[in-house]
């Protein structure tokens, strides 16, 4: 199967809906306490991480459009969690912010001409990727953390 913008967008718009369905009835206290293991992140921390990385992924997409083959800076997810006090955030605010960021990201990429989807950037771990691959990688990032939240809520 050849990846196309339509293929990439199909699942990209679904993961926030899935996240909402999973979090129905999860209050602040449960989000703070439910973790995916003894040393794992809480549901709240995972949502904060997803929200923060949504902005990082969106910034990478914008950078791809503005710069020829930009190098993406590395991000230390554990340092970001500590620096931004994930465990002290409000679940509802983080989830709402994630949705605003995803909506803006979707609108941005939908407005691009077809050729823009082949623009590339250099990821510090994965190497060169085009915009289609970045959108797919963002969706897979969502899926990974949705699974993590499910594990935390079902333990």
C-alpha atoms as a PDB file:
ATOM      1  CA  UNK A   1       0.000   0.000   0.000  1.00  0.00           C
ATOM      2  CA  UNK A   2       1.298   3.408  -0.905  1.00  0.00           C
ATOM      3  CA  UNK A   3       0.865   6.015   1.784  1.00  0.00           C
ATOM      4  CA  UNK A   4      -1.119   9.019   0.632  1.00  0.00           C
ATOM      5  CA  UNK A   5      -2.283  12.124   2.475  1.00  0.00           C
ATOM      6  CA  UNK A   6      -5.802  10.666   2.575  1.00  0.00           C
ATOM      7  CA  UNK A   7      -4.502   7.413   4.111  1.00  0.00           C
ATOM      8  CA  UNK A   8      -2.530   9.345   6.707  1.00  0.00           C
ATOM      9  CA  UNK A   9      -5.430  11.640   7.613  1.00  0.00           C
ATOM     10  CA  UNK A  10      -8.000   8.860   7.918  1.00  0.00           C
ATOM     11  CA  UNK A  11      -6.616   7.573  11.220  1.00  0.00           C
ATOM     12  CA  UNK A  12      -5.045  10.864  12.326  1.00  0.00           C
ATOM     13  CA  UNK A  13      -8.511  12.317  12.954  1.00  0.00           C
ATOM     14  CA  UNK A  14      -9.788   9.190  14.750  1.00  0.00           C
ATOM     15  CA  UNK A  15      -7.392   8.874  17.668  1.00  0.00           C
ATOM     16  CA  UNK A  16      -8.725  11.908  19.612  1.00  0.00           C
ATOM     17  CA  UNK A  17     -12.229  10.401  19.374  1.00  0.00           C
ATOM     18  CA  UNK A  18     -10.915   7.094  20.737  1.00  0.00           C
ATOM     19  CA  UNK A  19      -9.090   8.908  23.545  1.00  0.00           C
ATOM     20  CA  UNK A  20     -12.291  10.731  24.527  1.00  0.00           C
ATOM     21  CA  UNK A  21     -14.246   7.472  24.608  1.00  0.00           C
ATOM     22  CA  UNK A  22     -11.661   5.861  26.885  1.00  0.00           C
ATOM     23  CA  UNK A  23     -11.608   8.813  29.271  1.00  0.00           C
ATOM     24  CA  UNK A  24     -15.397   9.074  29.716  1.00  0.00           C
ATOM     25  CA  UNK A  25     -16.022   8.966  33.452  1.00  0.00           C
ATOM     26  CA  UNK A  26     -12.342   9.285  34.403  1.00  0.00           C
ATOM     27  CA  UNK A  27     -12.100  12.075  36.959  1.00  0.00           C
ATOM     28  CA  UNK A  28      -9.054  14.062  38.043  1.00  0.00           C
ATOM     29  CA  UNK A  29      -8.322  11.809  41.027  1.00  0.00           C
ATOM     30  CA  UNK A  30      -8.435   8.609  38.979  1.00  0.00           C
ATOM     31  CA  UNK A  31      -6.292  10.194  36.265  1.00  0.00           C
ATOM     32  CA  UNK A  32      -3.672  11.110  38.863  1.00  0.00           C
ATOM     33  CA  UNK A  33      -3.652   7.691  40.538  1.00  0.00           C
ATOM     34  CA  UNK A  34      -4.057   5.132  37.736  1.00  0.00           C
ATOM     35  CA  UNK A  35      -0.667   4.136  36.334  1.00  0.00           C
ATOM     36  CA  UNK A  36       0.537   1.535  33.860  1.00  0.00           C
ATOM     37  CA  UNK A  37       2.863  -0.023  36.440  1.00  0.00           C
ATOM     38  CA  UNK A  38       4.848   0.730  39.590  1.00  0.00           C
ATOM     39  CA  UNK A  39       7.263   3.016  37.746  1.00  0.00           C
ATOM     40  CA  UNK A  40       4.810   4.012  35.026  1.00  0.00           C
ATOM     41  CA  UNK A  41       3.109   7.240  34.191  1.00  0.00           C
ATOM     42  CA  UNK A  42      -0.332   8.148  35.434  1.00  0.00           C
ATOM     43  CA  UNK A  43      -3.184   8.659  32.984  1.00  0.00           C
ATOM     44  CA  UNK A  44      -2.827  12.390  33.633  1.00  0.00           C
ATOM     45  CA  UNK A  45       0.871  12.327  32.792  1.00  0.00           C
ATOM     46  CA  UNK A  46       0.186  10.415  29.573  1.00  0.00           C
ATOM     47  CA  UNK A  47      -2.463  12.922  28.472  1.00  0.00           C
ATOM     48  CA  UNK A  48      -0.091  15.797  29.283  1.00  0.00           C
ATOM     49  CA  UNK A  49       2.631  14.080  27.265  1.00  0.00           C
ATOM     50  CA  UNK A  50       0.282  13.554  24.319  1.00  0.00           C
ATOM     51  CA  UNK A  51      -0.756  17.202  24.484  1.00  0.00           C
ATOM     52  CA  UNK A  52       2.823  18.466  24.620  1.00  0.00           C
ATOM     53  CA  UNK A  53       3.992  16.199  21.820  1.00  0.00           C
ATOM     54  CA  UNK A  54       1.015  17.215  19.688  1.00  0.00           C
ATOM     55  CA  UNK A  55       2.523  20.703  19.657  1.00  0.00           C
ATOM     56  CA  UNK A  56       6.001  19.295  18.971  1.00  0.00           C
ATOM     57  CA  UNK A  57       4.720  17.246  16.011  1.00  0.00           C
ATOM     58  CA  UNK A  58       2.755  20.209  14.668  1.00  0.00           C
ATOM     59  CA  UNK A  59       5.840  22.423  14.964  1.00  0.00           C
ATOM     60  CA  UNK A  60       7.820  19.843  12.994  1.00  0.00           C
ATOM     61  CA  UNK A  61       5.203  19.915  10.230  1.00  0.00           C
ATOM     62  CA  UNK A  62       5.326  23.714  10.084  1.00  0.00           C
ATOM     63  CA  UNK A  63       9.123  23.616  10.050  1.00  0.00           C
ATOM     64  CA  UNK A  64       9.018  21.176   7.111  1.00  0.00           C
ATOM     65  CA  UNK A  65       6.962  23.732   5.172  1.00  0.00           C
ATOM     66  CA  UNK A  66       9.185  26.682   6.087  1.00  0.00           C
ATOM     67  CA  UNK A  67      12.661  25.138   5.834  1.00  0.00           C
ATOM     68  CA  UNK A  68      14.378  22.782   3.440  1.00  0.00           C
ATOM     69  CA  UNK A  69      15.029  19.440   5.211  1.00  0.00           C
ATOM     70  CA  UNK A  70      15.107  20.843   8.763  1.00  0.00           C
ATOM     71  CA  UNK A  71      16.723  18.937  11.595  1.00  0.00           C
ATOM     72  CA  UNK A  72      14.210  18.370  14.385  1.00  0.00           C
ATOM     73  CA  UNK A  73      15.590  18.983  17.856  1.00  0.00           C
ATOM     74  CA  UNK A  74      15.505  16.000  20.204  1.00  0.00           C
ATOM     75  CA  UNK A  75      13.031  16.032  23.087  1.00  0.00           C
ATOM     76  CA  UNK A  76      13.513  14.342  26.443  1.00  0.00           C
ATOM     77  CA  UNK A  77      10.016  13.216  27.408  1.00  0.00           C
ATOM     78  CA  UNK A  78      10.950  12.511  31.026  1.00  0.00           C
ATOM     79  CA  UNK A  79      12.566  15.914  31.470  1.00  0.00           C
ATOM     80  CA  UNK A  80       9.512  17.593  29.917  1.00  0.00           C
ATOM     81  CA  UNK A  81       7.222  15.719  32.327  1.00  0.00           C
ATOM     82  CA  UNK A  82       9.220  16.978  35.297  1.00  0.00           C
ATOM     83  CA  UNK A  83       9.827  20.491  33.969  1.00  0.00           C
ATOM     84  CA  UNK A  84       6.144  20.997  33.142  1.00  0.00           C
ATOM     85  CA  UNK A  85       4.796  19.315  36.281  1.00  0.00           C
ATOM     86  CA  UNK A  86       2.525  16.912  34.428  1.00  0.00           C
ATOM     87  CA  UNK A  87       1.201  15.381  37.638  1.00  0.00           C
ATOM     88  CA  UNK A  88       0.001  18.821  38.807  1.00  0.00           C
ATOM     89  CA  UNK A  89      -2.025  19.618  35.663  1.00  0.00           C
ATOM     90  CA  UNK A  90      -5.783  19.453  35.194  1.00  0.00           C
ATOM     91  CA  UNK A  91      -6.984  16.559  33.047  1.00  0.00           C
ATOM     92  CA  UNK A  92      -9.855  18.476  31.447  1.00  0.00           C
ATOM     93  CA  UNK A  93      -7.586  21.385  30.496  1.00  0.00           C
ATOM     94  CA  UNK A  94      -4.923  19.110  29.042  1.00  0.00           C
ATOM     95  CA  UNK A  95      -7.457  17.132  27.032  1.00  0.00           C
ATOM     96  CA  UNK A  96      -9.088  20.312  25.705  1.00  0.00           C
ATOM     97  CA  UNK A  97      -5.671  21.682  24.737  1.00  0.00           C
ATOM     98  CA  UNK A  98      -4.816  18.413  22.973  1.00  0.00           C
ATOM     99  CA  UNK A  99      -8.024  18.690  20.951  1.00  0.00           C
ATOM    100  CA  UNK A 100      -7.355  22.316  19.993  1.00  0.00           C
ATOM    101  CA  UNK A 101      -3.841  21.415  18.904  1.00  0.00           C
ATOM    102  CA  UNK A 102      -4.980  18.374  16.897  1.00  0.00           C
ATOM    103  CA  UNK A 103      -7.752  20.384  15.227  1.00  0.00           C
ATOM    104  CA  UNK A 104      -5.241  23.069  14.234  1.00  0.00           C
ATOM    105  CA  UNK A 105      -2.775  20.428  13.014  1.00  0.00           C
ATOM    106  CA  UNK A 106      -5.472  18.727  10.910  1.00  0.00           C
ATOM    107  CA  UNK A 107      -6.603  22.023   9.386  1.00  0.00           C
ATOM    108  CA  UNK A 108      -2.999  22.949   8.623  1.00  0.00           C
ATOM    109  CA  UNK A 109      -2.190  19.749   6.753  1.00  0.00           C
ATOM    110  CA  UNK A 110      -5.556  19.591   4.972  1.00  0.00           C
ATOM    111  CA  UNK A 111      -4.904  23.044   3.519  1.00  0.00           C
ATOM    112  CA  UNK A 112      -1.540  22.054   2.035  1.00  0.00           C
ATOM    113  CA  UNK A 113      -1.118  21.396  -1.681  1.00  0.00           C
ATOM    114  CA  UNK A 114      -0.449  17.772  -2.632  1.00  0.00           C
ATOM    115  CA  UNK A 115       3.271  18.326  -3.279  1.00  0.00           C
ATOM    116  CA  UNK A 116       3.848  19.697   0.220  1.00  0.00           C
ATOM    117  CA  UNK A 117       3.241  16.243   1.697  1.00  0.00           C
ATOM    118  CA  UNK A 118       6.562  15.083   0.218  1.00  0.00           C
ATOM    119  CA  UNK A 119       8.597  17.758   2.014  1.00  0.00           C
ATOM    120  CA  UNK A 120      10.978  16.219   4.521  1.00  0.00           C
ATOM    121  CA  UNK A 121      12.652  16.803   7.831  1.00  0.00           C
ATOM    122  CA  UNK A 122      15.309  14.916   9.777  1.00  0.00           C
ATOM    123  CA  UNK A 123      14.186  13.230  12.987  1.00  0.00           C
ATOM    124  CA  UNK A 124      16.978  12.690  15.558  1.00  0.00           C
ATOM    125  CA  UNK A 125      16.131   8.970  15.923  1.00  0.00           C
ATOM    126  CA  UNK A 126      14.283   7.954  12.750  1.00  0.00           C
ATOM    127  CA  UNK A 127      16.181   9.955  10.149  1.00  0.00           C
ATOM    128  CA  UNK A 128      14.551  11.548   7.138  1.00  0.00           C
ATOM    129  CA  UNK A 129      10.755  11.504   6.993  1.00  0.00           C
ATOM    130  CA  UNK A 130       8.223  13.254   4.834  1.00  0.00           C
ATOM    131  CA  UNK A 131       5.036  14.902   6.056  1.00  0.00           C
ATOM    132  CA  UNK A 132       2.928  11.821   5.341  1.00  0.00           C
ATOM    133  CA  UNK A 133       5.268   9.775   7.533  1.00  0.00           C
ATOM    134  CA  UNK A 134       5.181  12.437  10.258  1.00  0.00           C
ATOM    135  CA  UNK A 135       1.382  12.328  10.349  1.00  0.00           C
ATOM    136  CA  UNK A 136       1.407   8.515  10.463  1.00  0.00           C
ATOM    137  CA  UNK A 137       4.071   8.584  13.202  1.00  0.00           C
ATOM    138  CA  UNK A 138       1.916  11.024  15.183  1.00  0.00           C
ATOM    139  CA  UNK A 139      -1.051   8.658  14.870  1.00  0.00           C
ATOM    140  CA  UNK A 140       1.078   5.715  16.003  1.00  0.00           C
ATOM    141  CA  UNK A 141       2.286   7.808  18.934  1.00  0.00           C
ATOM    142  CA  UNK A 142      -1.379   8.301  19.876  1.00  0.00           C
ATOM    143  CA  UNK A 143      -2.103   4.579  19.604  1.00  0.00           C
ATOM    144  CA  UNK A 144       0.876   3.713  21.798  1.00  0.00           C
ATOM    145  CA  UNK A 145      -0.294   6.059  24.535  1.00  0.00           C
ATOM    146  CA  UNK A 146      -3.955   5.115  24.215  1.00  0.00           C
ATOM    147  CA  UNK A 147      -2.859   1.537  24.927  1.00  0.00           C
ATOM    148  CA  UNK A 148      -0.857   2.807  27.905  1.00  0.00           C
ATOM    149  CA  UNK A 149      -3.930   4.620  29.270  1.00  0.00           C
ATOM    150  CA  UNK A 150      -6.081   1.505  28.815  1.00  0.00           C
ATOM    151  CA  UNK A 151      -3.519  -0.552  30.734  1.00  0.00           C
ATOM    152  CA  UNK A 152      -3.462   2.015  33.548  1.00  0.00           C
ATOM    153  CA  UNK A 153      -7.252   2.124  33.797  1.00  0.00           C
ATOM    154  CA  UNK A 154      -7.616  -1.656  33.748  1.00  0.00           C
ATOM    155  CA  UNK A 155      -4.981  -2.498  36.381  1.00  0.00           C
END
